C-alpha atoms as a PDB file:
ATOM      1  CA  MET A   1     140.871 237.196-143.524  1.00  0.00           C
ATOM      2  CA  ASN A   2     139.894 234.831-140.851  1.00  0.00           C
ATOM      3  CA  ILE A   3     138.188 234.995-137.331  1.00  0.00           C
ATOM      4  CA  PHE A   4     141.274 235.333-135.133  1.00  0.00           C
ATOM      5  CA  ASP A   5     142.705 238.354-137.459  1.00  0.00           C
ATOM      6  CA  ARG A   6     139.700 239.879-137.130  1.00  0.00           C
ATOM      7  CA  MET A   7     139.300 239.865-133.435  1.00  0.00           C
ATOM      8  CA  LYS A   8     143.031 240.983-133.066  1.00  0.00           C
ATOM      9  CA  LYS A   9     142.706 243.698-135.680  1.00  0.00           C
ATOM     10  CA  ARG A  10     139.329 245.319-133.491  1.00  0.00           C
ATOM     11  CA  ARG A  11     141.078 243.898-129.995  1.00  0.00           C
ATOM     12  CA  HIS A  12     138.441 241.949-128.839  1.00  0.00           C
ATOM     13  CA  GLU A  13     138.485 239.162-126.254  1.00  0.00           C
ATOM     14  CA  GLN A  14     135.997 236.828-126.862  1.00  0.00           C
ATOM     15  CA  LEU A  15     133.891 235.629-129.464  1.00  0.00           C
ATOM     16  CA  ILE A  16     131.229 232.835-128.727  1.00  0.00           C
ATOM     17  CA  PHE A  17     129.070 230.571-131.121  1.00  0.00           C
ATOM     18  CA  CYS A  18     125.820 229.309-129.365  1.00  0.00           C
ATOM     19  CA  PHE A  19     123.936 226.283-131.244  1.00  0.00           C
ATOM     20  CA  ASN A  20     120.606 224.636-129.779  1.00  0.00           C
ATOM     21  CA  ARG A  21     119.777 222.471-132.433  1.00  0.00           C
ATOM     22  CA  PRO A  22     115.751 221.377-130.803  1.00  0.00           C
ATOM     23  CA  THR A  23     115.168 225.171-131.043  1.00  0.00           C
ATOM     24  CA  GLY A  24     117.055 226.199-134.069  1.00  0.00           C
ATOM     25  CA  LEU A  25     119.094 228.863-132.171  1.00  0.00           C
ATOM     26  CA  ARG A  26     122.550 229.732-133.780  1.00  0.00           C
ATOM     27  CA  ALA A  27     123.926 232.823-131.587  1.00  0.00           C
ATOM     28  CA  ILE A  28     126.671 234.472-131.433  1.00  0.00           C
ATOM     29  CA  ILE A  29     127.898 236.469-128.480  1.00  0.00           C
ATOM     30  CA  ALA A  30     130.829 238.819-129.361  1.00  0.00           C
ATOM     31  CA  ILE A  31     132.933 240.425-125.971  1.00  0.00           C
ATOM     32  CA  HIS A  32     134.954 243.513-126.794  1.00  0.00           C
ATOM     33  CA  ASP A  33     136.762 245.033-124.649  1.00  0.00           C
ATOM     34  CA  THR A  34     136.173 244.490-120.658  1.00  0.00           C
ATOM     35  CA  THR A  35     138.570 246.756-119.515  1.00  0.00           C
ATOM     36  CA  LEU A  36     136.158 249.268-117.984  1.00  0.00           C
ATOM     37  CA  GLY A  37     133.772 246.622-116.533  1.00  0.00           C
ATOM     38  CA  THR A  38     131.613 244.045-117.308  1.00  0.00           C
ATOM     39  CA  SER A  39     130.641 243.595-121.200  1.00  0.00           C
ATOM     40  CA  VAL A  40     127.093 245.071-122.137  1.00  0.00           C
ATOM     41  CA  GLY A  41     124.996 245.318-125.233  1.00  0.00           C
ATOM     42  CA  GLY A  42     121.978 244.683-126.672  1.00  0.00           C
ATOM     43  CA  THR A  43     120.662 241.212-128.309  1.00  0.00           C
ATOM     44  CA  ARG A  44     120.035 241.772-132.313  1.00  0.00           C
ATOM     45  CA  LEU A  45     118.014 239.120-134.190  1.00  0.00           C
ATOM     46  CA  MET A  46     117.952 239.151-138.140  1.00  0.00           C
ATOM     47  CA  HIS A  47     118.232 237.193-141.150  1.00  0.00           C
ATOM     48  CA  TYR A  48     121.702 237.350-141.989  1.00  0.00           C
ATOM     49  CA  ASP A  49     122.674 236.229-145.558  1.00  0.00           C
ATOM     50  CA  SER A  50     125.677 234.404-144.357  1.00  0.00           C
ATOM     51  CA  GLU A  51     127.491 233.333-141.110  1.00  0.00           C
ATOM     52  CA  ASN A  52     130.478 236.269-142.055  1.00  0.00           C
ATOM     53  CA  ASP A  53     127.967 238.438-142.219  1.00  0.00           C
ATOM     54  CA  ALA A  54     126.733 237.883-138.636  1.00  0.00           C
ATOM     55  CA  ILE A  55     130.157 237.670-137.553  1.00  0.00           C
ATOM     56  CA  VAL A  56     130.800 241.473-138.867  1.00  0.00           C
ATOM     57  CA  ASP A  57     127.890 242.358-137.241  1.00  0.00           C
ATOM     58  CA  ALA A  58     128.799 240.986-133.842  1.00  0.00           C
ATOM     59  CA  LEU A  59     132.212 242.424-133.767  1.00  0.00           C
ATOM     60  CA  ARG A  60     131.340 245.786-135.187  1.00  0.00           C
ATOM     61  CA  LEU A  61     128.692 246.520-132.894  1.00  0.00           C
ATOM     62  CA  SER A  62     129.968 245.222-129.911  1.00  0.00           C
ATOM     63  CA  GLU A  63     133.222 247.531-130.817  1.00  0.00           C
ATOM     64  CA  SER A  64     130.731 250.463-130.942  1.00  0.00           C
ATOM     65  CA  MET A  65     129.229 249.413-127.475  1.00  0.00           C
ATOM     66  CA  SER A  66     133.126 249.901-126.465  1.00  0.00           C
ATOM     67  CA  HIS A  67     133.363 253.125-127.733  1.00  0.00           C
ATOM     68  CA  GLN A  68     129.955 254.232-126.232  1.00  0.00           C
ATOM     69  CA  SER A  69     130.548 253.039-122.455  1.00  0.00           C
ATOM     70  CA  ALA A  70     134.155 254.642-122.599  1.00  0.00           C
ATOM     71  CA  SER A  71     132.217 257.972-124.171  1.00  0.00           C
ATOM     72  CA  PHE A  72     130.036 258.418-121.139  1.00  0.00           C
ATOM     73  CA  GLU A  73     132.598 257.489-119.027  1.00  0.00           C
ATOM     74  CA  SER A  74     130.586 254.608-117.493  1.00  0.00           C
ATOM     75  CA  ASP A  75     132.011 251.388-116.147  1.00  0.00           C
ATOM     76  CA  MET A  76     130.963 248.723-118.478  1.00  0.00           C
ATOM     77  CA  GLY A  77     132.534 246.975-121.387  1.00  0.00           C
ATOM     78  CA  GLY A  78     131.451 246.597-124.883  1.00  0.00           C
ATOM     79  CA  GLY A  79     129.573 243.418-125.891  1.00  0.00           C
ATOM     80  CA  LYS A  80     126.815 242.224-128.375  1.00  0.00           C
ATOM     81  CA  ALA A  81     124.857 239.197-129.555  1.00  0.00           C
ATOM     82  CA  VAL A  82     123.383 238.441-133.077  1.00  0.00           C
ATOM     83  CA  LEU A  83     120.525 235.666-133.529  1.00  0.00           C
ATOM     84  CA  MET A  84     120.728 234.590-136.296  1.00  0.00           C
ATOM     85  CA  THR A  85     117.199 232.918-137.958  1.00  0.00           C
ATOM     86  CA  GLU A  86     116.311 231.499-141.236  1.00  0.00           C
ATOM     87  CA  GLU A  87     113.627 232.997-143.321  1.00  0.00           C
ATOM     88  CA  GLU A  88     110.126 232.340-141.637  1.00  0.00           C
ATOM     89  CA  GLN A  89     111.828 230.949-138.468  1.00  0.00           C
ATOM     90  CA  GLU A  90     109.242 230.934-135.817  1.00  0.00           C
ATOM     91  CA  THR A  91     111.186 231.885-132.076  1.00  0.00           C
ATOM     92  CA  ASP A  92     109.277 230.233-129.807  1.00  0.00           C
ATOM     93  CA  GLU A  93     109.623 230.663-125.415  1.00  0.00           C
ATOM     94  CA  ALA A  94     112.158 227.484-125.521  1.00  0.00           C
ATOM     95  CA  TYR A  95     114.175 229.621-128.568  1.00  0.00           C
ATOM     96  CA  PHE A  96     114.803 232.282-126.030  1.00  0.00           C
ATOM     97  CA  ARG A  97     114.907 230.314-123.052  1.00  0.00           C
ATOM     98  CA  ALA A  98     117.827 228.794-124.903  1.00  0.00           C
ATOM     99  CA  PHE A  99     119.768 231.950-125.372  1.00  0.00           C
ATOM    100  CA  GLY A 100     118.977 232.633-121.884  1.00  0.00           C
ATOM    101  CA  ARG A 101     120.765 229.637-120.556  1.00  0.00           C
ATOM    102  CA  PHE A 102     123.997 230.256-122.597  1.00  0.00           C
ATOM    103  CA  VAL A 103     124.423 234.037-121.663  1.00  0.00           C
ATOM    104  CA  GLU A 104     124.195 232.848-117.871  1.00  0.00           C
ATOM    105  CA  GLY A 105     126.722 230.559-118.922  1.00  0.00           C
ATOM    106  CA  LEU A 106     128.901 233.397-119.107  1.00  0.00           C
ATOM    107  CA  ALA A 107     128.460 233.585-115.624  1.00  0.00           C
ATOM    108  CA  GLY A 108     128.274 237.528-116.018  1.00  0.00           C
ATOM    109  CA  LEU A 109     130.440 238.042-118.379  1.00  0.00           C
ATOM    110  CA  PHE A 110     127.774 239.571-120.911  1.00  0.00           C
ATOM    111  CA  VAL A 111     124.848 241.571-119.848  1.00  0.00           C
ATOM    112  CA  THR A 112     122.383 241.806-122.282  1.00  0.00           C
ATOM    113  CA  TYR A 113     118.958 243.508-123.077  1.00  0.00           C
ATOM    114  CA  PRO A 114     116.722 243.717-126.165  1.00  0.00           C
ATOM    115  CA  ALA A 115     117.665 245.408-129.493  1.00  0.00           C
ATOM    116  CA  PHE A 116     116.818 245.269-132.951  1.00  0.00           C
ATOM    117  CA  GLY A 117     114.480 242.613-133.837  1.00  0.00           C
ATOM    118  CA  THR A 118     113.786 241.750-129.983  1.00  0.00           C
ATOM    119  CA  SER A 119     111.506 242.780-127.483  1.00  0.00           C
ATOM    120  CA  ASP A 120     110.642 242.838-124.327  1.00  0.00           C
ATOM    121  CA  ARG A 121     108.075 240.143-124.010  1.00  0.00           C
ATOM    122  CA  ASP A 122     110.701 237.669-125.661  1.00  0.00           C
ATOM    123  CA  PHE A 123     113.278 239.171-122.785  1.00  0.00           C
ATOM    124  CA  LEU A 124     110.748 238.190-120.445  1.00  0.00           C
ATOM    125  CA  HIS A 125     111.921 233.985-121.301  1.00  0.00           C
ATOM    126  CA  VAL A 126     115.443 234.970-121.720  1.00  0.00           C
ATOM    127  CA  ARG A 127     115.448 236.211-117.749  1.00  0.00           C
ATOM    128  CA  ARG A 128     113.920 233.446-116.979  1.00  0.00           C
ATOM    129  CA  GLU A 129     117.271 231.397-117.325  1.00  0.00           C
ATOM    130  CA  THR A 130     119.591 234.212-116.813  1.00  0.00           C
ATOM    131  CA  SER A 131     119.507 236.935-114.363  1.00  0.00           C
ATOM    132  CA  SER A 132     122.163 238.837-116.877  1.00  0.00           C
ATOM    133  CA  VAL A 133     119.316 241.157-118.437  1.00  0.00           C
ATOM    134  CA  VAL A 134     119.007 244.500-117.778  1.00  0.00           C
ATOM    135  CA  PRO A 135     115.772 246.271-117.130  1.00  0.00           C
ATOM    136  CA  MET A 136     115.134 248.651-120.135  1.00  0.00           C
ATOM    137  CA  GLU A 137     111.694 249.406-119.909  1.00  0.00           C
ATOM    138  CA  GLY A 138     111.241 252.779-121.190  1.00  0.00           C
ATOM    139  CA  SER A 139     114.678 253.463-122.251  1.00  0.00           C
ATOM    140  CA  HIS A 140     113.530 254.120-126.063  1.00  0.00           C
ATOM    141  CA  GLU A 141     112.278 257.504-124.400  1.00  0.00           C
ATOM    142  CA  ILE A 142     115.263 258.099-122.794  1.00  0.00           C
ATOM    143  CA  THR A 143     117.712 257.354-125.766  1.00  0.00           C
ATOM    144  CA  GLY A 144     115.023 259.199-128.458  1.00  0.00           C
ATOM    145  CA  MET A 145     115.696 262.037-125.876  1.00  0.00           C
ATOM    146  CA  GLY A 146     118.783 261.899-125.934  1.00  0.00           C
ATOM    147  CA  VAL A 147     119.480 261.616-129.947  1.00  0.00           C
ATOM    148  CA  LEU A 148     117.797 265.256-129.547  1.00  0.00           C
ATOM    149  CA  TRP A 149     119.700 266.996-127.245  1.00  0.00           C
ATOM    150  CA  GLY A 150     122.568 265.538-129.270  1.00  0.00           C
ATOM    151  CA  MET A 151     120.982 266.969-132.562  1.00  0.00           C
ATOM    152  CA  LYS A 152     120.743 269.932-130.861  1.00  0.00           C
ATOM    153  CA  ALA A 153     124.291 270.669-130.320  1.00  0.00           C
ATOM    154  CA  CYS A 154     125.292 269.685-133.494  1.00  0.00           C
ATOM    155  CA  VAL A 155     122.563 272.391-134.925  1.00  0.00           C
ATOM    156  CA  ARG A 156     124.235 275.269-132.572  1.00  0.00           C
ATOM    157  CA  GLU A 157     127.657 274.515-134.310  1.00  0.00           C
ATOM    158  CA  LEU A 158     126.188 275.010-137.754  1.00  0.00           C
ATOM    159  CA  GLU A 159     122.987 277.716-136.611  1.00  0.00           C
ATOM    160  CA  GLY A 160     124.439 278.965-133.538  1.00  0.00           C
ATOM    161  CA  THR A 161     121.140 278.091-131.858  1.00  0.00           C
ATOM    162  CA  SER A 162     119.968 274.750-130.565  1.00  0.00           C
ATOM    163  CA  SER A 163     116.571 275.539-131.073  1.00  0.00           C
ATOM    164  CA  LEU A 164     115.212 273.185-133.689  1.00  0.00           C
ATOM    165  CA  LYS A 165     111.573 275.618-134.178  1.00  0.00           C
ATOM    166  CA  GLY A 166     111.257 275.164-138.307  1.00  0.00           C
ATOM    167  CA  MET A 167     114.268 272.829-138.590  1.00  0.00           C
ATOM    168  CA  HIS A 168     113.647 269.779-141.233  1.00  0.00           C
ATOM    169  CA  VAL A 169     114.045 266.580-139.448  1.00  0.00           C
ATOM    170  CA  ALA A 170     114.216 263.476-141.797  1.00  0.00           C
ATOM    171  CA  VAL A 171     113.520 260.318-139.610  1.00  0.00           C
ATOM    172  CA  GLN A 172     114.545 257.097-141.053  1.00  0.00           C
ATOM    173  CA  GLY A 173     112.794 254.328-138.815  1.00  0.00           C
ATOM    174  CA  VAL A 174     110.184 255.449-136.633  1.00  0.00           C
ATOM    175  CA  GLY A 175     110.413 252.370-134.310  1.00  0.00           C
ATOM    176  CA  LYS A 176     110.682 251.969-130.524  1.00  0.00           C
ATOM    177  CA  VAL A 177     113.584 254.890-130.384  1.00  0.00           C
ATOM    178  CA  GLY A 178     112.798 256.749-133.817  1.00  0.00           C
ATOM    179  CA  GLY A 179     108.920 257.019-132.580  1.00  0.00           C
ATOM    180  CA  TYR A 180     109.589 258.557-129.489  1.00  0.00           C
ATOM    181  CA  LEU A 181     111.927 261.201-130.950  1.00  0.00           C
ATOM    182  CA  VAL A 182     109.456 262.554-133.614  1.00  0.00           C
ATOM    183  CA  ASP A 183     107.159 263.048-130.885  1.00  0.00           C
ATOM    184  CA  ALA A 184     110.033 265.217-128.778  1.00  0.00           C
ATOM    185  CA  LEU A 185     110.733 266.768-132.234  1.00  0.00           C
ATOM    186  CA  ALA A 186     107.237 267.690-133.202  1.00  0.00           C
ATOM    187  CA  GLU A 187     107.371 269.090-129.875  1.00  0.00           C
ATOM    188  CA  GLU A 188     110.429 271.440-131.020  1.00  0.00           C
ATOM    189  CA  GLY A 189     108.611 272.773-133.468  1.00  0.00           C
ATOM    190  CA  ALA A 190     110.158 271.062-136.031  1.00  0.00           C
ATOM    191  CA  THR A 191     109.138 270.088-139.707  1.00  0.00           C
ATOM    192  CA  ILE A 192     109.288 266.396-139.691  1.00  0.00           C
ATOM    193  CA  THR A 193     109.441 264.104-142.519  1.00  0.00           C
ATOM    194  CA  VAL A 194     109.147 260.114-142.030  1.00  0.00           C
ATOM    195  CA  THR A 195     109.772 256.517-143.508  1.00  0.00           C
ATOM    196  CA  ASP A 196     109.406 253.540-142.422  1.00  0.00           C
ATOM    197  CA  VAL A 197     109.572 249.637-143.994  1.00  0.00           C
ATOM    198  CA  GLN A 198     106.247 248.939-141.960  1.00  0.00           C
ATOM    199  CA  TYR A 199     102.948 250.603-142.660  1.00  0.00           C
ATOM    200  CA  ASP A 200     101.634 250.284-138.772  1.00  0.00           C
ATOM    201  CA  ARG A 201     104.660 252.608-137.331  1.00  0.00           C
ATOM    202  CA  LEU A 202     103.810 254.944-140.239  1.00  0.00           C
ATOM    203  CA  LYS A 203      99.854 254.851-139.401  1.00  0.00           C
ATOM    204  CA  THR A 204     100.796 255.713-135.801  1.00  0.00           C
ATOM    205  CA  VAL A 205     102.990 258.836-136.503  1.00  0.00           C
ATOM    206  CA  GLN A 206     100.332 260.377-138.884  1.00  0.00           C
ATOM    207  CA  ASP A 207      97.528 259.566-136.075  1.00  0.00           C
ATOM    208  CA  ARG A 208      99.564 261.340-133.663  1.00  0.00           C
ATOM    209  CA  HIS A 209     101.875 264.256-135.867  1.00  0.00           C
ATOM    210  CA  PRO A 210      99.055 265.106-138.731  1.00  0.00           C
ATOM    211  CA  ASP A 211     101.559 267.666-140.194  1.00  0.00           C
ATOM    212  CA  ALA A 212     104.367 264.674-140.381  1.00  0.00           C
ATOM    213  CA  ARG A 213     105.392 264.475-144.159  1.00  0.00           C
ATOM    214  CA  ILE A 214     105.799 260.458-145.196  1.00  0.00           C
ATOM    215  CA  VAL A 215     107.778 259.392-147.974  1.00  0.00           C
ATOM    216  CA  ARG A 216     108.777 256.185-149.286  1.00  0.00           C
ATOM    217  CA  PRO A 217     111.847 254.723-147.685  1.00  0.00           C
ATOM    218  CA  GLU A 218     114.294 254.761-150.777  1.00  0.00           C
ATOM    219  CA  GLU A 219     113.445 258.512-151.333  1.00  0.00           C
ATOM    220  CA  ILE A 220     114.612 259.248-147.595  1.00  0.00           C
ATOM    221  CA  LEU A 221     117.917 259.793-148.117  1.00  0.00           C
ATOM    222  CA  GLU A 222     118.124 262.068-150.881  1.00  0.00           C
ATOM    223  CA  LEU A 223     115.498 264.351-149.098  1.00  0.00           C
ATOM    224  CA  PRO A 224     116.366 268.294-149.292  1.00  0.00           C
ATOM    225  CA  CYS A 225     116.401 268.673-145.008  1.00  0.00           C
ATOM    226  CA  ASP A 226     118.488 270.491-142.519  1.00  0.00           C
ATOM    227  CA  VAL A 227     119.083 267.058-140.791  1.00  0.00           C
ATOM    228  CA  LEU A 228     119.030 263.297-141.665  1.00  0.00           C
ATOM    229  CA  SER A 229     118.307 261.122-138.458  1.00  0.00           C
ATOM    230  CA  PRO A 230     118.638 257.430-138.747  1.00  0.00           C
ATOM    231  CA  CYS A 231     117.092 255.211-136.412  1.00  0.00           C
ATOM    232  CA  ALA A 232     116.653 251.688-138.311  1.00  0.00           C
ATOM    233  CA  VAL A 233     119.487 250.114-139.703  1.00  0.00           C
ATOM    234  CA  GLY A 234     123.155 250.480-140.091  1.00  0.00           C
ATOM    235  CA  ARG A 235     125.784 250.779-142.678  1.00  0.00           C
ATOM    236  CA  ILE A 236     123.856 253.233-144.834  1.00  0.00           C
ATOM    237  CA  LEU A 237     126.075 255.708-144.950  1.00  0.00           C
ATOM    238  CA  ASN A 238     128.721 254.765-147.857  1.00  0.00           C
ATOM    239  CA  ASP A 239     130.237 255.337-151.226  1.00  0.00           C
ATOM    240  CA  GLY A 240     126.894 255.046-153.261  1.00  0.00           C
ATOM    241  CA  THR A 241     124.568 257.271-150.207  1.00  0.00           C
ATOM    242  CA  ILE A 242     127.006 260.396-149.006  1.00  0.00           C
ATOM    243  CA  PRO A 243     126.980 261.522-152.846  1.00  0.00           C
ATOM    244  CA  LYS A 244     123.091 261.810-153.092  1.00  0.00           C
ATOM    245  CA  LEU A 245     122.717 263.256-149.233  1.00  0.00           C
ATOM    246  CA  ARG A 246     121.182 266.489-149.489  1.00  0.00           C
ATOM    247  CA  CYS A 247     121.312 267.364-145.968  1.00  0.00           C
ATOM    248  CA  LYS A 248     123.634 269.528-143.409  1.00  0.00           C
ATOM    249  CA  ILE A 249     123.702 267.272-140.234  1.00  0.00           C
ATOM    250  CA  VAL A 250     123.050 263.309-139.943  1.00  0.00           C
ATOM    251  CA  ALA A 251     122.190 262.384-136.063  1.00  0.00           C
ATOM    252  CA  GLY A 252     120.676 259.309-135.761  1.00  0.00           C
ATOM    253  CA  CYS A 253     120.602 256.525-133.489  1.00  0.00           C
ATOM    254  CA  ALA A 254     120.799 253.403-135.867  1.00  0.00           C
ATOM    255  CA  SER A 255     124.073 251.566-134.860  1.00  0.00           C
ATOM    256  CA  ASP A 256     127.215 251.464-137.180  1.00  0.00           C
ATOM    257  CA  LEU A 257     125.905 254.107-139.711  1.00  0.00           C
ATOM    258  CA  LEU A 258     129.353 254.163-141.409  1.00  0.00           C
ATOM    259  CA  GLU A 259     130.529 251.468-143.536  1.00  0.00           C
ATOM    260  CA  ALA A 260     134.097 252.327-142.918  1.00  0.00           C
ATOM    261  CA  PRO A 261     135.841 254.892-140.795  1.00  0.00           C
ATOM    262  CA  MET A 262     136.717 256.940-144.065  1.00  0.00           C
ATOM    263  CA  HIS A 263     133.417 257.567-144.596  1.00  0.00           C
ATOM    264  CA  ALA A 264     133.259 260.123-141.427  1.00  0.00           C
ATOM    265  CA  ASP A 265     136.057 262.077-143.929  1.00  0.00           C
ATOM    266  CA  ALA A 266     134.041 261.907-147.065  1.00  0.00           C
ATOM    267  CA  LEU A 267     130.987 263.279-145.017  1.00  0.00           C
ATOM    268  CA  LYS A 268     133.534 266.274-143.699  1.00  0.00           C
ATOM    269  CA  GLU A 269     134.444 266.822-147.170  1.00  0.00           C
ATOM    270  CA  ARG A 270     131.185 267.113-148.606  1.00  0.00           C
ATOM    271  CA  GLY A 271     130.583 269.623-145.758  1.00  0.00           C
ATOM    272  CA  ILE A 272     128.247 267.657-143.697  1.00  0.00           C
ATOM    273  CA  LEU A 273     128.324 267.585-139.988  1.00  0.00           C
ATOM    274  CA  TYR A 274     128.100 263.738-138.306  1.00  0.00           C
ATOM    275  CA  ALA A 275     127.361 262.999-135.273  1.00  0.00           C
ATOM    276  CA  PRO A 276     128.740 259.328-134.385  1.00  0.00           C
ATOM    277  CA  ASP A 277     126.297 257.152-133.723  1.00  0.00           C
ATOM    278  CA  PHE A 278     128.049 255.398-130.288  1.00  0.00           C
ATOM    279  CA  VAL A 279     127.343 258.892-128.828  1.00  0.00           C
ATOM    280  CA  ILE A 280     124.340 260.186-129.542  1.00  0.00           C
ATOM    281  CA  ALA A 281     122.634 257.198-128.415  1.00  0.00           C
ATOM    282  CA  GLY A 282     125.018 256.945-125.412  1.00  0.00           C
ATOM    283  CA  ALA A 283     121.466 257.875-123.322  1.00  0.00           C
ATOM    284  CA  GLU A 284     120.403 254.445-123.117  1.00  0.00           C
ATOM    285  CA  LEU A 285     123.004 253.471-121.432  1.00  0.00           C
ATOM    286  CA  TYR A 286     122.001 255.367-118.354  1.00  0.00           C
ATOM    287  CA  GLN A 287     119.731 253.003-117.196  1.00  0.00           C
ATOM    288  CA  MET A 288     122.294 250.450-116.762  1.00  0.00           C
ATOM    289  CA  GLU A 289     124.266 253.320-114.024  1.00  0.00           C
ATOM    290  CA  PRO A 290     124.330 251.581-110.755  1.00  0.00           C
ATOM    291  CA  HIS A 291     123.763 255.227-109.211  1.00  0.00           C
ATOM    292  CA  LEU A 292     120.324 255.479-111.948  1.00  0.00           C
ATOM    293  CA  LYS A 293     119.275 252.208-110.962  1.00  0.00           C
ATOM    294  CA  ASP A 294     115.818 252.147-110.310  1.00  0.00           C
ATOM    295  CA  ALA A 295     115.808 256.268-111.008  1.00  0.00           C
ATOM    296  CA  PRO A 296     112.257 258.112-111.659  1.00  0.00           C
ATOM    297  CA  ARG A 297     111.498 258.698-115.508  1.00  0.00           C
ATOM    298  CA  GLU A 298     112.008 262.689-114.979  1.00  0.00           C
ATOM    299  CA  ARG A 299     115.234 261.655-113.467  1.00  0.00           C
ATOM    300  CA  LEU A 300     116.558 259.494-116.562  1.00  0.00           C
ATOM    301  CA  LEU A 301     114.762 262.400-119.066  1.00  0.00           C
ATOM    302  CA  ASP A 302     117.089 264.736-117.371  1.00  0.00           C
ATOM    303  CA  GLU A 303     120.430 263.023-117.467  1.00  0.00           C
ATOM    304  CA  ALA A 304     119.654 262.403-121.092  1.00  0.00           C
ATOM    305  CA  ARG A 305     120.792 266.002-121.530  1.00  0.00           C
ATOM    306  CA  ARG A 306     124.352 264.911-120.956  1.00  0.00           C
ATOM    307  CA  VAL A 307     124.463 263.721-124.740  1.00  0.00           C
ATOM    308  CA  TYR A 308     124.266 267.244-125.363  1.00  0.00           C
ATOM    309  CA  ASP A 309     127.287 268.153-123.394  1.00  0.00           C
ATOM    310  CA  VAL A 310     129.681 265.349-124.588  1.00  0.00           C
ATOM    311  CA  MET A 311     128.321 266.174-128.202  1.00  0.00           C
ATOM    312  CA  ALA A 312     129.158 269.584-127.978  1.00  0.00           C
ATOM    313  CA  GLU A 313     132.578 268.598-126.899  1.00  0.00           C
ATOM    314  CA  ILE A 314     133.525 266.386-129.427  1.00  0.00           C
ATOM    315  CA  ILE A 315     132.443 268.765-131.725  1.00  0.00           C
ATOM    316  CA  THR A 316     134.523 271.304-130.375  1.00  0.00           C
ATOM    317  CA  THR A 317     137.780 269.309-130.527  1.00  0.00           C
ATOM    318  CA  ALA A 318     137.171 268.092-134.065  1.00  0.00           C
ATOM    319  CA  LYS A 319     137.123 271.502-135.403  1.00  0.00           C
ATOM    320  CA  LYS A 320     140.264 272.731-133.172  1.00  0.00           C
ATOM    321  CA  GLU A 321     142.382 269.756-134.365  1.00  0.00           C
ATOM    322  CA  GLY A 322     140.542 269.724-138.394  1.00  0.00           C
ATOM    323  CA  THR A 323     139.459 265.950-137.839  1.00  0.00           C
ATOM    324  CA  THR A 324     135.678 264.521-137.561  1.00  0.00           C
ATOM    325  CA  PRO A 325     133.780 264.389-134.414  1.00  0.00           C
ATOM    326  CA  TYR A 326     133.944 260.720-135.410  1.00  0.00           C
ATOM    327  CA  HIS A 327     137.377 260.571-135.109  1.00  0.00           C
ATOM    328  CA  VAL A 328     137.644 262.268-132.046  1.00  0.00           C
ATOM    329  CA  ALA A 329     135.230 260.070-129.890  1.00  0.00           C
ATOM    330  CA  VAL A 330     136.971 256.788-131.272  1.00  0.00           C
ATOM    331  CA  ALA A 331     140.473 258.158-129.924  1.00  0.00           C
ATOM    332  CA  ASN A 332     138.806 259.486-126.484  1.00  0.00           C
ATOM    333  CA  ALA A 333     137.289 256.341-126.208  1.00  0.00           C
ATOM    334  CA  ALA A 334     140.585 254.558-126.661  1.00  0.00           C
ATOM    335  CA  TRP A 335     142.717 256.903-124.534  1.00  0.00           C
ATOM    336  CA  ARG A 336     140.082 256.264-121.937  1.00  0.00           C
ATOM    337  CA  VAL A 337     139.964 252.561-121.555  1.00  0.00           C
ATOM    338  CA  GLY A 338     144.114 252.478-122.236  1.00  0.00           C
ATOM    339  CA  ARG A 339     144.334 255.150-119.052  1.00  0.00           C
ATOM    340  CA  ILE A 340     142.542 252.161-117.129  1.00  0.00           C
ATOM    341  CA  GLN A 341     144.476 249.255-118.053  1.00  0.00           C
ATOM    342  CA  LEU A 342     147.413 250.485-116.192  1.00  0.00           C
ATOM    343  CA  VAL A 343     145.369 250.383-113.199  1.00  0.00           C
ATOM    344  CA  ARG A 344     144.299 246.964-113.908  1.00  0.00           C
ATOM    345  CA  ASN A 345     147.531 244.826-112.798  1.00  0.00           C
ATOM    346  CA  ILE A 346     146.706 246.327-109.125  1.00  0.00           C
ATOM    347  CA  MET A 347     145.685 243.629-107.045  1.00  0.00           C
ATOM    348  CA  CYS A 348     143.170 244.512-104.097  1.00  0.00           C
END
């Protein structure tokens, strides 16, 4: 399938390729849908095996951001940027300022923030070249708290109570969001097992929570537990992994967890409740909302509770319609975007 066919299939508006020879910057910015407003999405930096893999990532992740924004009645569209690096490639101030120049050239069409592989420090350089950057200080804690509340909604559906006390939660990836999630789970009295590919992250968890169990990365997906919470990489739920899962619930903030939509049905067939990642990670949007700009931490943490309500409603609808929460969430997002499109031709 060629690029335009892919864009047509997912209803993308733009796919922008950015190249700066002196710094080695190779960036792809995907604009999925701006019906609800300016496209917003994180910037991911990683090594891809091919340009095709990077394109697919940008298209899928930007579409997911559209779904997320629509799910939480946000006035933002979906976008995503991926930065393709070579093995051992250095990324310095000039590299990120070059990216910022390209973002600025979009004249506000795309607003971005640090995501997988990029940091607040990197974005200090991006911000020198563009104002189309969202301050996300403290956002990882807010997102982690939203994941906790979404998880509670899932547990209530299966157990009749939203309490996580005594529940065994396995967290894959204890970086920015996963680390905060582990802290929150510990306060809830959950039994915690964690894994990560970076030893220093595991050491931090071990120091803060001595009772937490640590397992090798290859063990986490097959671990017997109540809740599996993937907070690292995406597309881990597929034909090979789903039959091996030994959990009741999958609820994690890693983007694009399903390899294909059909895998939501595969999880349902196995009796596993899947919380759509773009819903359970939705609290990250709150710091971008105009009415919450500069809101104190306590207010944002309180807003994260909304994830519980959204998740619970989606689960209830899915149960009533005999489908999956994923399919309900995608349909709800498409319905809202479709309704708003009906009024966009009114001149004002």
